Amino acid sequence: MKKGKYEDIFFGSKNYEEIDMQLKKILAIIVLFLLVGIQLNAQKKGGPECIIVDIAKGSIAEKIGLKSGDIILSINGKEIFDKRALGEQIKSSKGSEIEIEILRKGKKMTFKSPFNADRLGIYSYFYERDRLLSPKEMKEDLNTLFSAIPEIHPNPYFNITKEEFNKLKAKAYDKIKKPMTISDFWKLASPIVASLGDGHTNLGRPVGEYLYQIYSLDKHIVFPLKLRIIKDRALVQKNFSDAPIREGDYILSINGIPTKKIINDLIPYISGDLLQFKTSIIARDFPEMLFLVYGFKGPFNVKIKDAKGKIKEYKLEGGDKNIYEKMRAYNYGDNNFHFEEMPELKAGIIRFNNFEMRDKFDKFLKNTFTKIKTKKYRYLIIDLRNNGGGDSKIAEYLLNYITDKPYRYFGELQSKVSKYTLKYVKEDSPNEEFKIDSIYTYKDTAKSPPKNPLRFKGKVFVLISNFTFSEASNFAEVVKYFKIGTLVGEESGDPPAHYGGVCPVNLPNSHLNLDVSWQYVVDANGDTTYVHHGVMPDIYIKTDAKDIRKGNDPVIEKVKEIIRKNLRRNK
């Protein structure tokens, strides 16, 4: 049973919990609001619409004729209102036929196709325009949330006592006196989930209203500065406005509120084991969080301290959809796999943002390591600094190209059996009997990788950061413990042993998605102890304001320096 197996149910759906609801293809949302031209929730019984926002090239979805902007009404006769139902129907269709009913420009259409794949090849987005939830509806959602967490999670109170958590629950119920928007309900419930201190257990953000205003109403509401947070100080990493603000300048305040206070106010809404991971998520999603938590819209009054210590004030117009798309592209890059050659150093760099798309990744690895072998490169850099995780089996594909040493990917998996997860454990062990509310332990053993004529035999460097999370963090731990390569950069965003293996739960009225860990993943060395720090690099390199101002990447430069020394030594 591999961690991440049930996270990546359909294409592009899951890297890690915070990323899950955020990694959407924004261009296709324009299609949704401006091209499709239909009323949301029309011709349905109610609830969120499952909108296809992008189609993977060469995928089954593309081949059978699905398009961006299509609204999936049902799969195999089952209505689709949440990602869990979508994933289940796609998975259950494997080995038979899949029948998809969609709404396109107000017209119902049905597509059928033989289906024998793990994914359909779509990015989907569930959207419901903010409406008022009644006190009864909110209490029903809280009942679902607070019953699901202890039922699914192996140990929900590993960072907070049950008594402390129950006090937070009681306060939440007491605050429900009148109807609220879905966003306000999220602000009530999300910090309680985040208080568990588990990066894989979170309440997904209601980003629909934010995107609706940007794309449908063409509002200029996006904060146009990309942040880099170092400790509790906010630096400008990228300026998307017209103001003469430079990278590396400090942001002192926004609309009169000190950025230090803003960061501290946003942290309670972010689920994570480690503070550095939470701040990396805030930096990435800062414009969205400003809107959701503070309600900030453009223009923004910003106070800046430049490199010379001078304090300046600017009135920044809110960014529109074009700025938003540029910022998203800058933050997330793409879901492709990249190989950059450095022949002068006899080296290459592999970059990718998730362990997803098994077939595509396999093809990429074959092509890449064929080049490496043909050109006799001696050094390989694997950049996981923006990688949020994915599927462990895909991660092992890469490991099998870079080592012939026996290794195990984790020490063991401790899986909580519940009514939510019973089908998952049965899929791996169909002949075993499982008792609800029990822990099923799977122990991994060290094994030698299969023969691989393209296996790299040179020196491997793996780059990690505070954002390196979930499967990417696991990969780094395996590389470190079995001495497969050298870790360079900063502490990862996930502890070596942590809770994961996400199980999704849809709240019945707000339709917010609750993700809950149902496994305890023991790291490669077999130590079951939970420690409150990430995977530590072998060579620690931090990025500071000077690096940002100069546009330097000190992590890459350090690796290049090591390679140059080795090349000179071995001449």
Protein backbone atom coordinates (compact mmCIF):
# COMPACT_ATOMS: atom_id res chain seq x y z
CA MET A 1 0.00 0.00 0.00
CA LYS A 2 1.70 3.19 -1.12
CA LYS A 3 1.20 6.61 0.30
CA GLY A 4 -0.46 8.89 -2.19
CA LYS A 5 -2.17 6.10 -4.11
CA TYR A 6 -5.62 7.42 -3.26
CA GLU A 7 -4.65 11.08 -3.46
CA ASP A 8 -4.16 11.10 -7.23
CA ILE A 9 -7.52 9.76 -8.35
CA PHE A 10 -7.85 11.82 -11.48
CA PHE A 11 -5.40 13.84 -13.51
CA GLY A 12 -3.97 16.82 -11.71
CA SER A 13 -6.19 16.55 -8.69
CA LYS A 14 -3.77 16.16 -5.84
CA ASN A 15 -0.27 17.03 -4.96
CA TYR A 16 -0.82 17.78 -1.37
CA GLU A 17 -3.72 19.08 0.62
CA GLU A 18 -3.33 22.84 0.26
CA ILE A 19 -2.43 22.51 -3.41
CA ASP A 20 -5.36 20.28 -4.19
CA MET A 21 -7.98 22.98 -4.57
CA GLN A 22 -5.61 25.59 -5.92
CA LEU A 23 -3.80 24.04 -8.90
CA LYS A 24 -6.36 24.88 -11.55
CA LYS A 25 -5.88 25.92 -15.12
CA ILE A 26 -7.10 29.48 -15.00
CA LEU A 27 -7.40 30.13 -18.70
CA ALA A 28 -10.21 27.63 -18.96
CA ILE A 29 -12.15 29.43 -16.25
CA ILE A 30 -12.51 32.25 -18.75
CA VAL A 31 -14.17 29.67 -20.96
CA LEU A 32 -16.41 28.79 -18.07
CA PHE A 33 -17.68 32.27 -17.36
CA LEU A 34 -17.33 34.11 -20.63
CA LEU A 35 -17.58 31.47 -23.36
CA VAL A 36 -19.90 28.80 -22.05
CA GLY A 37 -22.55 31.44 -21.33
CA ILE A 38 -24.86 29.42 -19.14
CA GLN A 39 -26.31 29.98 -15.71
CA LEU A 40 -24.55 28.08 -12.97
CA ASN A 41 -26.76 25.51 -11.31
CA ALA A 42 -29.13 25.47 -14.27
CA GLN A 43 -30.64 22.13 -15.25
CA LYS A 44 -29.33 20.49 -12.09
CA LYS A 45 -30.85 19.61 -8.76
CA GLY A 46 -28.50 21.93 -6.89
CA GLY A 47 -24.99 21.89 -5.54
CA PRO A 48 -21.65 22.68 -7.14
CA GLU A 49 -21.07 22.28 -10.84
CA CYS A 50 -18.20 20.05 -11.98
CA ILE A 51 -16.59 22.14 -14.69
CA ILE A 52 -13.77 20.85 -16.87
CA VAL A 53 -11.19 23.63 -16.85
CA ASP A 54 -8.50 21.91 -18.88
CA ILE A 55 -7.89 18.76 -20.91
CA ALA A 56 -4.56 16.92 -20.92
CA LYS A 57 -3.10 16.53 -24.38
CA GLY A 58 -3.35 12.98 -25.70
CA SER A 59 -5.67 11.97 -22.87
CA ILE A 60 -8.81 9.87 -23.18
CA ALA A 61 -10.87 12.97 -22.42
CA GLU A 62 -9.40 14.70 -25.46
CA LYS A 63 -9.87 11.65 -27.67
CA ILE A 64 -13.56 11.22 -26.87
CA GLY A 65 -14.29 14.92 -27.48
CA LEU A 66 -14.56 16.55 -24.06
CA LYS A 67 -13.67 20.25 -24.02
CA SER A 68 -12.72 22.94 -21.55
CA GLY A 69 -15.86 24.57 -20.21
CA ASP A 70 -17.96 21.38 -20.35
CA ILE A 71 -19.95 20.72 -17.20
CA ILE A 72 -20.03 17.08 -16.17
CA LEU A 73 -23.56 16.16 -15.15
CA SER A 74 -23.05 12.45 -14.55
CA ILE A 75 -20.69 9.54 -15.07
CA ASN A 76 -22.20 6.10 -15.55
CA GLY A 77 -25.55 7.54 -14.46
CA LYS A 78 -24.26 8.98 -11.16
CA GLU A 79 -24.55 12.74 -10.67
CA ILE A 80 -21.24 14.44 -9.93
CA PHE A 81 -21.28 17.08 -7.20
CA ASP A 82 -17.86 16.60 -5.61
CA LYS A 83 -14.40 15.34 -6.45
CA ARG A 84 -14.86 12.15 -4.48
CA ALA A 85 -17.82 11.07 -6.61
CA LEU A 86 -15.88 12.06 -9.73
CA GLY A 87 -12.84 10.02 -8.70
CA GLU A 88 -14.91 7.00 -7.69
CA GLN A 89 -16.80 6.89 -10.98
CA ILE A 90 -13.63 7.25 -13.04
CA LYS A 91 -11.92 4.51 -11.03
CA SER A 92 -14.92 2.15 -11.20
CA SER A 93 -15.03 2.49 -14.99
CA LYS A 94 -11.56 1.06 -15.50
CA GLY A 95 -11.65 -2.13 -17.55
CA SER A 96 -15.10 -1.46 -18.97
CA GLU A 97 -16.91 1.48 -20.55
CA ILE A 98 -17.26 5.02 -19.29
CA GLU A 99 -20.38 7.06 -20.08
CA ILE A 100 -20.16 10.79 -19.46
CA GLU A 101 -23.11 13.18 -19.69
CA ILE A 102 -22.13 16.82 -20.02
CA LEU A 103 -23.69 20.22 -20.53
CA ARG A 104 -22.11 22.30 -23.32
CA LYS A 105 -23.48 25.75 -24.04
CA GLY A 106 -26.81 24.74 -22.53
CA LYS A 107 -27.07 21.51 -24.51
CA LYS A 108 -26.82 18.05 -22.97
CA MET A 109 -24.46 15.62 -24.68
CA THR A 110 -23.32 12.07 -23.89
CA PHE A 111 -19.94 10.49 -24.61
CA LYS A 112 -19.11 6.80 -24.35
CA SER A 113 -15.78 5.09 -24.64
CA PRO A 114 -13.97 1.91 -23.63
CA PHE A 115 -11.93 2.86 -20.58
CA ASN A 116 -8.84 1.11 -19.29
CA ALA A 117 -6.79 3.85 -17.67
CA ASP A 118 -6.14 5.30 -14.24
CA ARG A 119 -7.22 8.80 -15.22
CA LEU A 120 -9.59 10.52 -17.57
CA GLY A 121 -7.15 13.36 -18.23
CA ILE A 122 -9.04 16.40 -16.96
CA TYR A 123 -8.64 19.25 -14.55
CA SER A 124 -11.97 19.94 -12.90
CA TYR A 125 -13.28 22.74 -10.72
CA PHE A 126 -16.33 22.61 -8.46
CA TYR A 127 -18.02 25.98 -8.20
CA GLU A 128 -21.06 27.23 -6.32
CA ARG A 129 -21.78 30.95 -6.12
CA ASP A 130 -21.72 32.11 -2.50
CA ARG A 131 -25.07 31.79 -0.85
CA LEU A 132 -26.24 32.11 2.75
CA LEU A 133 -26.09 28.98 4.84
CA SER A 134 -28.70 28.68 7.54
CA PRO A 135 -27.62 27.95 11.13
CA LYS A 136 -29.10 24.48 10.75
CA GLU A 137 -27.08 23.81 7.58
CA MET A 138 -23.85 25.01 9.17
CA LYS A 139 -24.37 22.85 12.26
CA GLU A 140 -25.02 19.86 10.02
CA ASP A 141 -21.75 20.54 8.22
CA LEU A 142 -19.90 20.87 11.51
CA ASN A 143 -21.44 17.60 12.67
CA THR A 144 -20.11 15.91 9.52
CA LEU A 145 -16.69 17.52 9.92
CA PHE A 146 -16.26 16.75 13.61
CA SER A 147 -17.45 13.17 13.27
CA ALA A 148 -15.36 12.40 10.17
CA ILE A 149 -12.01 13.56 11.56
CA PRO A 150 -11.76 11.16 14.56
CA GLU A 151 -13.36 8.37 12.55
CA ILE A 152 -10.81 8.60 9.72
CA HIS A 153 -7.63 9.93 11.33
CA PRO A 154 -5.34 7.40 13.10
CA ASN A 155 -4.44 9.94 15.78
CA PRO A 156 -6.07 13.36 15.32
CA TYR A 157 -4.84 14.69 18.66
CA PHE A 158 -1.11 14.25 18.16
CA ASN A 159 -0.53 18.02 18.21
CA ILE A 160 -3.50 19.22 20.26
CA THR A 161 -5.30 17.62 23.17
CA LYS A 162 -8.82 16.35 22.71
CA GLU A 163 -9.99 18.74 25.41
CA GLU A 164 -8.48 21.75 23.62
CA PHE A 165 -10.02 20.65 20.34
CA ASN A 166 -13.44 20.18 21.95
CA LYS A 167 -13.30 23.73 23.32
CA LEU A 168 -12.72 25.03 19.78
CA LYS A 169 -15.66 22.93 18.56
CA ALA A 170 -17.95 24.32 21.23
CA LYS A 171 -16.98 27.90 20.39
CA ALA A 172 -17.73 27.25 16.71
CA TYR A 173 -21.25 26.05 17.45
CA ASP A 174 -21.81 29.03 19.79
CA LYS A 175 -20.85 31.49 17.04
CA ILE A 176 -23.56 30.20 14.72
CA LYS A 177 -26.38 32.61 15.46
CA LYS A 178 -27.43 33.77 12.00
CA PRO A 179 -26.97 32.83 8.32
CA MET A 180 -23.44 33.10 6.87
CA THR A 181 -21.87 33.00 3.45
CA ILE A 182 -19.86 29.91 2.58
CA SER A 183 -16.70 32.01 2.87
CA ASP A 184 -17.59 33.15 6.38
CA PHE A 185 -18.41 29.58 7.37
CA TRP A 186 -15.00 28.50 6.03
CA LYS A 187 -13.35 31.21 8.15
CA LEU A 188 -15.16 29.79 11.17
CA ALA A 189 -14.30 26.12 10.56
CA SER A 190 -10.94 26.15 8.79
CA PRO A 191 -8.80 27.28 11.76
CA ILE A 192 -10.27 24.47 13.86
CA VAL A 193 -9.16 21.88 11.30
CA ALA A 194 -5.78 23.59 10.95
CA SER A 195 -5.33 23.49 14.75
CA LEU A 196 -4.69 19.74 14.42
CA GLY A 197 -1.30 20.62 12.94
CA ASP A 198 -1.51 18.04 10.16
CA GLY A 199 -0.46 19.21 6.70
CA HIS A 200 -2.61 16.55 5.04
CA THR A 201 -5.81 17.33 6.98
CA ASN A 202 -7.43 20.56 5.86
CA LEU A 203 -10.64 22.27 4.82
CA GLY A 204 -10.46 23.38 1.19
CA ARG A 205 -10.86 27.08 0.50
CA PRO A 206 -14.01 28.48 -1.16
CA VAL A 207 -12.17 30.25 -3.98
CA GLY A 208 -15.19 30.43 -6.29
CA GLU A 209 -16.23 33.99 -5.41
CA TYR A 210 -12.68 35.24 -5.80
CA LEU A 211 -12.33 33.72 -9.27
CA TYR A 212 -15.85 34.77 -10.21
CA GLN A 213 -15.06 38.42 -9.53
CA ILE A 214 -11.78 38.20 -11.42
CA TYR A 215 -13.04 36.36 -14.48
CA SER A 216 -16.75 36.97 -14.79
CA LEU A 217 -17.03 40.49 -13.37
CA ASP A 218 -13.53 41.52 -14.52
CA LYS A 219 -12.81 43.14 -11.16
CA HIS A 220 -9.31 44.45 -10.40
CA ILE A 221 -8.91 42.80 -7.03
CA VAL A 222 -5.62 40.86 -7.18
CA PHE A 223 -2.76 42.02 -4.95
CA PRO A 224 -0.03 42.38 -7.62
CA LEU A 225 3.11 41.56 -5.63
CA LYS A 226 4.51 38.05 -5.23
CA LEU A 227 5.90 37.57 -1.73
CA ARG A 228 8.83 35.72 -0.25
CA ILE A 229 8.44 35.33 3.52
CA ILE A 230 11.64 35.01 5.52
CA LYS A 231 10.75 34.44 9.16
CA ASP A 232 7.94 36.99 9.62
CA ARG A 233 9.19 39.55 7.10
CA ALA A 234 7.62 39.91 3.68
CA LEU A 235 9.86 40.64 0.71
CA VAL A 236 8.88 41.36 -2.86
CA GLN A 237 9.98 38.40 -4.94
CA LYS A 238 8.26 39.55 -8.13
CA ASN A 239 6.49 42.79 -8.98
CA PHE A 240 3.51 42.46 -11.32
CA SER A 241 2.40 46.09 -10.94
CA ASP A 242 3.52 49.24 -12.75
CA ALA A 243 4.93 50.77 -9.56
CA PRO A 244 8.73 51.14 -9.33
CA ILE A 245 9.04 48.49 -6.63
CA ARG A 246 12.09 46.26 -6.81
CA GLU A 247 12.57 42.62 -5.99
CA GLY A 248 13.99 42.32 -2.47
CA ASP A 249 12.18 45.39 -1.12
CA TYR A 250 10.37 44.84 2.17
CA ILE A 251 6.60 45.23 2.36
CA LEU A 252 5.94 47.00 5.66
CA SER A 253 2.17 47.35 5.51
CA ILE A 254 -0.89 46.91 3.30
CA ASN A 255 -3.88 49.24 3.74
CA GLY A 256 -2.37 50.42 7.02
CA ILE A 257 -1.97 46.94 8.52
CA PRO A 258 1.61 45.75 9.21
CA THR A 259 2.47 42.74 7.06
CA LYS A 260 3.82 40.97 10.14
CA LYS A 261 0.30 41.12 11.61
CA ILE A 262 -1.25 40.02 8.31
CA ILE A 263 1.01 36.97 8.13
CA ASN A 264 0.24 36.07 11.74
CA ASP A 265 -3.48 36.48 11.05
CA LEU A 266 -3.32 34.15 8.02
CA ILE A 267 -1.31 31.36 9.63
CA PRO A 268 -4.29 29.90 11.59
CA TYR A 269 -6.08 29.18 8.29
CA ILE A 270 -3.22 27.07 6.91
CA SER A 271 -2.97 23.38 7.72
CA GLY A 272 0.57 22.18 8.21
CA ASP A 273 2.89 20.35 10.57
CA LEU A 274 5.61 22.98 10.29
CA LEU A 275 5.60 26.77 10.39
CA GLN A 276 7.94 27.14 7.41
CA PHE A 277 5.52 25.16 5.25
CA LYS A 278 2.59 27.33 6.34
CA THR A 279 4.43 30.54 5.48
CA SER A 280 5.46 29.13 2.10
CA ILE A 281 1.77 28.49 1.35
CA ILE A 282 0.85 32.02 2.47
CA ALA A 283 3.55 33.49 0.22
CA ARG A 284 2.29 31.47 -2.74
CA ASP A 285 -1.41 32.19 -2.23
CA PHE A 286 -1.18 35.64 -0.64
CA PRO A 287 -3.56 37.52 -3.00
CA GLU A 288 -6.23 34.88 -2.56
CA MET A 289 -5.81 34.78 1.21
CA LEU A 290 -6.00 38.59 1.44
CA PHE A 291 -9.36 38.42 -0.30
CA LEU A 292 -10.76 35.48 1.67
CA VAL A 293 -9.67 36.52 5.15
CA TYR A 294 -9.42 40.31 4.97
CA GLY A 295 -11.77 41.00 2.08
CA PHE A 296 -9.10 43.24 0.52
CA LYS A 297 -9.68 44.41 -3.04
CA GLY A 298 -7.78 46.89 -5.18
CA PRO A 299 -6.55 49.53 -4.95
CA PHE A 300 -4.00 48.65 -2.26
CA ASN A 301 -2.08 51.20 -0.21
CA VAL A 302 1.36 49.69 0.29
CA LYS A 303 4.31 50.90 2.36
CA ILE A 304 7.70 49.70 1.12
CA LYS A 305 11.24 49.80 2.53
CA ASP A 306 13.84 49.62 -0.22
CA ALA A 307 17.40 48.28 -0.21
CA LYS A 308 18.77 51.65 0.98
CA GLY A 309 16.37 51.80 3.91
CA LYS A 310 14.13 54.44 2.37
CA ILE A 311 10.41 54.09 3.10
CA LYS A 312 8.04 54.80 0.23
CA GLU A 313 4.29 54.51 -0.20
CA TYR A 314 2.42 53.40 -3.31
CA LYS A 315 -1.19 53.04 -4.32
CA LEU A 316 -1.33 49.83 -6.35
CA GLU A 317 -4.24 49.15 -8.64
CA GLY A 318 -5.67 45.70 -8.17
CA GLY A 319 -4.59 43.20 -10.79
CA ASP A 320 -7.07 41.88 -13.33
CA LYS A 321 -7.36 38.39 -14.80
CA ASN A 322 -4.23 38.90 -16.90
CA ILE A 323 -2.14 39.72 -13.84
CA TYR A 324 -3.70 36.85 -11.96
CA GLU A 325 -2.78 34.38 -14.70
CA LYS A 326 0.80 35.67 -14.79
CA MET A 327 1.10 35.29 -11.04
CA ARG A 328 -0.34 31.78 -11.09
CA ALA A 329 2.03 30.77 -13.87
CA TYR A 330 4.94 32.23 -11.89
CA ASN A 331 3.90 30.42 -8.69
CA TYR A 332 3.01 27.04 -10.10
CA GLY A 333 4.88 26.78 -13.37
CA ASP A 334 3.34 23.90 -15.26
CA ASN A 335 2.70 20.20 -14.82
CA ASN A 336 5.29 19.25 -17.38
CA PHE A 337 8.67 17.64 -16.78
CA HIS A 338 11.76 19.59 -17.75
CA PHE A 339 15.37 18.60 -18.37
CA GLU A 340 17.99 21.31 -18.66
CA GLU A 341 21.43 20.32 -19.91
CA MET A 342 24.67 21.88 -18.70
CA PRO A 343 27.28 20.22 -20.94
CA GLU A 344 30.07 22.48 -19.66
CA LEU A 345 29.56 20.87 -16.24
CA LYS A 346 28.78 17.41 -17.60
CA ALA A 347 25.48 17.78 -15.77
CA GLY A 348 21.74 18.08 -16.19
CA ILE A 349 18.82 19.36 -14.09
CA ILE A 350 15.44 17.64 -13.83
CA ARG A 351 12.57 19.91 -12.71
CA PHE A 352 8.95 18.96 -12.08
CA ASN A 353 6.29 20.11 -9.63
CA ASN A 354 4.56 16.86 -8.69
CA PHE A 355 4.85 13.10 -8.85
CA GLU A 356 1.90 12.68 -11.18
CA MET A 357 1.04 11.51 -14.71
CA ARG A 358 2.61 8.07 -14.53
CA ASP A 359 2.78 7.28 -18.25
CA LYS A 360 4.06 10.71 -19.20
CA PHE A 361 6.66 10.66 -16.44
CA ASP A 362 7.87 7.21 -17.47
CA LYS A 363 8.35 8.40 -21.05
CA PHE A 364 10.13 11.54 -19.83
CA LEU A 365 12.52 9.51 -17.70
CA LYS A 366 13.40 7.16 -20.55
CA ASN A 367 14.12 10.07 -22.89
CA THR A 368 16.04 12.03 -20.29
CA PHE A 369 18.27 9.22 -19.06
CA THR A 370 18.95 8.15 -22.63
CA LYS A 371 20.38 11.65 -23.21
CA ILE A 372 22.32 11.50 -19.95
CA LYS A 373 23.88 8.17 -20.89
CA THR A 374 24.58 9.14 -24.50
CA LYS A 375 26.31 12.36 -23.47
CA LYS A 376 28.08 10.72 -20.53
CA TYR A 377 26.95 13.26 -17.97
CA ARG A 378 28.46 12.70 -14.54
CA TYR A 379 26.22 14.88 -12.37
CA LEU A 380 22.45 15.01 -12.00
CA ILE A 381 20.44 17.67 -10.16
CA ILE A 382 16.83 16.86 -9.21
CA ASP A 383 14.98 20.05 -8.23
CA LEU A 384 12.11 19.34 -5.81
CA ARG A 385 11.87 22.84 -4.34
CA ASN A 386 8.43 23.44 -5.86
CA ASN A 387 7.22 19.86 -5.65
CA GLY A 388 4.15 19.24 -3.49
CA GLY A 389 4.00 15.44 -3.76
CA GLY A 390 1.83 12.87 -5.49
CA ASP A 391 2.13 9.12 -5.97
CA SER A 392 4.88 7.08 -4.29
CA LYS A 393 4.98 4.55 -7.13
CA ILE A 394 5.84 7.34 -9.55
CA ALA A 395 8.53 8.57 -7.16
CA GLU A 396 10.02 5.07 -7.17
CA TYR A 397 10.23 5.17 -10.97
CA LEU A 398 12.74 7.98 -10.57
CA LEU A 399 14.62 6.25 -7.76
CA ASN A 400 15.13 3.20 -9.96
CA TYR A 401 16.97 5.38 -12.47
CA ILE A 402 19.44 6.78 -9.94
CA THR A 403 20.40 3.88 -7.66
CA ASP A 404 21.14 0.18 -7.70
CA LYS A 405 21.32 0.02 -3.89
CA PRO A 406 18.67 -1.92 -1.97
CA TYR A 407 16.22 0.55 -0.42
CA ARG A 408 12.77 0.74 1.07
CA TYR A 409 10.54 3.68 0.38
CA PHE A 410 9.12 3.82 3.90
CA GLY A 411 9.42 1.82 7.09
CA GLU A 412 5.75 1.02 7.37
CA LEU A 413 2.23 2.33 6.79
CA GLN A 414 -0.26 2.35 9.64
CA SER A 415 -3.70 2.65 8.02
CA LYS A 416 -6.87 3.46 9.96
CA VAL A 417 -9.79 1.31 8.80
CA SER A 418 -13.12 3.17 8.79
CA LYS A 419 -16.29 3.17 6.74
CA TYR A 420 -14.60 5.85 4.61
CA THR A 421 -11.37 3.94 3.98
CA LEU A 422 -12.41 0.26 4.10
CA LYS A 423 -12.60 0.02 0.32
CA TYR A 424 -9.06 1.40 0.00
CA VAL A 425 -7.44 -1.24 2.20
CA LYS A 426 -9.53 -3.97 0.58
CA GLU A 427 -8.23 -3.01 -2.85
CA ASP A 428 -4.68 -3.83 -1.74
CA SER A 429 -5.62 -6.90 0.31
CA PRO A 430 -8.94 -8.22 -1.06
CA ASN A 431 -8.71 -11.57 0.74
CA GLU A 432 -8.14 -10.16 4.20
CA GLU A 433 -10.79 -9.31 6.78
CA PHE A 434 -10.63 -5.83 8.25
CA LYS A 435 -12.30 -4.56 11.39
CA ILE A 436 -13.69 -1.04 11.45
CA ASP A 437 -11.75 1.30 13.76
CA SER A 438 -8.66 -0.90 13.64
CA ILE A 439 -5.13 -0.10 12.46
CA TYR A 440 -3.80 -2.14 9.55
CA THR A 441 0.02 -2.08 9.44
CA TYR A 442 1.97 -2.74 6.26
CA LYS A 443 5.74 -3.10 6.73
CA ASP A 444 8.02 -2.33 3.83
CA THR A 445 11.29 -4.18 3.30
CA ALA A 446 14.47 -3.13 1.56
CA LYS A 447 14.62 -4.35 -2.02
CA SER A 448 17.03 -4.05 -4.89
CA PRO A 449 15.81 -2.00 -7.86
CA PRO A 450 15.11 -3.93 -11.07
CA LYS A 451 17.78 -3.91 -13.76
CA ASN A 452 17.85 -0.70 -15.74
CA PRO A 453 20.27 -0.20 -18.66
CA LEU A 454 19.74 3.56 -18.40
CA ARG A 455 20.57 3.78 -14.69
CA PHE A 456 22.64 6.85 -13.82
CA LYS A 457 25.91 6.03 -12.02
CA GLY A 458 27.17 9.53 -11.35
CA LYS A 459 26.66 11.93 -8.44
CA VAL A 460 23.11 13.01 -7.58
CA PHE A 461 22.05 16.26 -5.91
CA VAL A 462 18.44 16.73 -4.74
CA LEU A 463 17.27 20.30 -4.08
CA ILE A 464 14.67 20.82 -1.35
CA SER A 465 12.88 23.79 0.22
CA ASN A 466 10.28 24.64 2.86
CA PHE A 467 7.66 23.92 0.19
CA THR A 468 8.94 20.39 -0.59
CA PHE A 469 6.03 18.39 0.76
CA SER A 470 4.43 14.98 1.06
CA GLU A 471 5.80 12.53 -1.53
CA ALA A 472 8.59 14.93 -2.49
CA SER A 473 9.69 15.10 1.14
CA ASN A 474 9.50 11.29 1.38
CA PHE A 475 11.67 10.99 -1.72
CA ALA A 476 14.25 13.31 -0.17
CA GLU A 477 14.30 11.23 3.03
CA VAL A 478 14.94 8.02 1.06
CA VAL A 479 17.76 9.70 -0.87
CA LYS A 480 19.33 10.89 2.38
CA TYR A 481 18.92 7.77 4.50
CA PHE A 482 20.19 5.33 1.85
CA LYS A 483 22.92 7.74 0.74
CA ILE A 484 21.66 7.82 -2.83
CA GLY A 485 22.47 11.51 -3.24
CA THR A 486 23.15 14.81 -1.47
CA LEU A 487 20.31 17.06 -0.28
CA VAL A 488 20.90 20.77 -0.81
CA GLY A 489 18.72 23.73 0.18
CA GLU A 490 16.42 24.26 3.15
CA GLU A 491 14.45 22.05 5.52
CA SER A 492 11.48 20.38 3.83
CA GLY A 493 7.85 21.18 4.65
CA ASP A 494 6.92 17.73 5.98
CA PRO A 495 8.34 15.68 8.90
CA PRO A 496 10.14 12.43 7.99
CA ALA A 497 7.33 10.45 9.67
CA HIS A 498 3.92 12.04 9.22
CA TYR A 499 0.21 11.50 8.70
CA GLY A 500 -1.05 11.35 5.13
CA GLY A 501 -2.91 9.24 2.59
CA VAL A 502 -5.77 11.70 2.21
CA CYS A 503 -9.42 10.68 2.40
CA PRO A 504 -11.84 13.33 1.04
CA VAL A 505 -15.17 14.16 2.71
CA ASN A 506 -17.67 16.57 1.17
CA LEU A 507 -19.62 18.71 3.64
CA PRO A 508 -23.30 18.33 2.69
CA ASN A 509 -24.46 21.96 2.64
CA SER A 510 -21.46 24.22 2.06
CA HIS A 511 -19.96 21.59 -0.28
CA LEU A 512 -16.55 22.45 1.13
CA ASN A 513 -14.07 19.62 0.79
CA LEU A 514 -12.54 18.21 3.94
CA ASP A 515 -9.37 16.18 3.50
CA VAL A 516 -8.41 13.87 6.37
CA SER A 517 -5.26 11.80 6.82
CA TRP A 518 -5.96 8.10 7.29
CA GLN A 519 -2.40 6.73 7.38
CA TYR A 520 0.72 7.22 9.45
CA VAL A 521 3.71 7.07 7.13
CA VAL A 522 6.86 5.88 8.87
CA ASP A 523 10.02 7.15 7.22
CA ALA A 524 12.61 5.03 5.44
CA ASN A 525 14.77 4.41 8.52
CA GLY A 526 11.86 2.73 10.29
CA ASP A 527 11.71 5.24 13.13
CA THR A 528 8.05 5.67 14.11
CA THR A 529 8.78 8.76 16.24
CA TYR A 530 7.01 11.94 15.15
CA VAL A 531 9.44 14.85 15.15
CA HIS A 532 8.52 18.47 14.67
CA HIS A 533 10.94 19.27 11.86
CA GLY A 534 11.27 18.47 8.19
CA VAL A 535 13.84 16.46 6.28
CA MET A 536 17.11 18.31 6.82
CA PRO A 537 19.47 19.03 3.91
CA ASP A 538 23.03 17.77 3.92
CA ILE A 539 24.12 21.21 2.73
CA TYR A 540 22.01 24.05 4.10
CA ILE A 541 21.68 27.06 1.79
CA LYS A 542 19.20 29.84 2.49
CA THR A 543 17.95 32.53 0.12
CA ASP A 544 17.96 36.08 1.53
CA ALA A 545 16.98 39.56 0.43
CA LYS A 546 20.32 40.14 -1.32
CA ASP A 547 19.83 37.04 -3.48
CA ILE A 548 16.34 38.14 -4.41
CA ARG A 549 17.53 41.63 -5.34
CA LYS A 550 20.30 40.24 -7.54
CA GLY A 551 18.13 37.50 -9.05
CA ASN A 552 20.50 34.83 -7.71
CA ASP A 553 19.67 31.21 -7.03
CA PRO A 554 22.20 30.40 -4.27
CA VAL A 555 21.14 26.74 -4.10
CA ILE A 556 21.90 26.05 -7.75
CA GLU A 557 25.07 28.13 -7.55
CA LYS A 558 26.30 26.08 -4.60
CA VAL A 559 25.79 22.82 -6.50
CA LYS A 560 27.55 24.25 -9.56
CA GLU A 561 30.45 25.28 -7.34
CA ILE A 562 30.75 21.73 -5.97
CA ILE A 563 30.64 20.25 -9.47
CA ARG A 564 33.33 22.64 -10.75
CA LYS A 565 35.62 21.69 -7.87
CA ASN A 566 35.08 18.00 -8.57
CA LEU A 567 35.79 18.48 -12.27
CA ARG A 568 39.02 20.34 -11.53
CA ARG A 569 40.07 17.70 -9.00
CA ASN A 570 39.43 14.84 -11.43
CA LYS A 571 41.20 16.33 -14.44
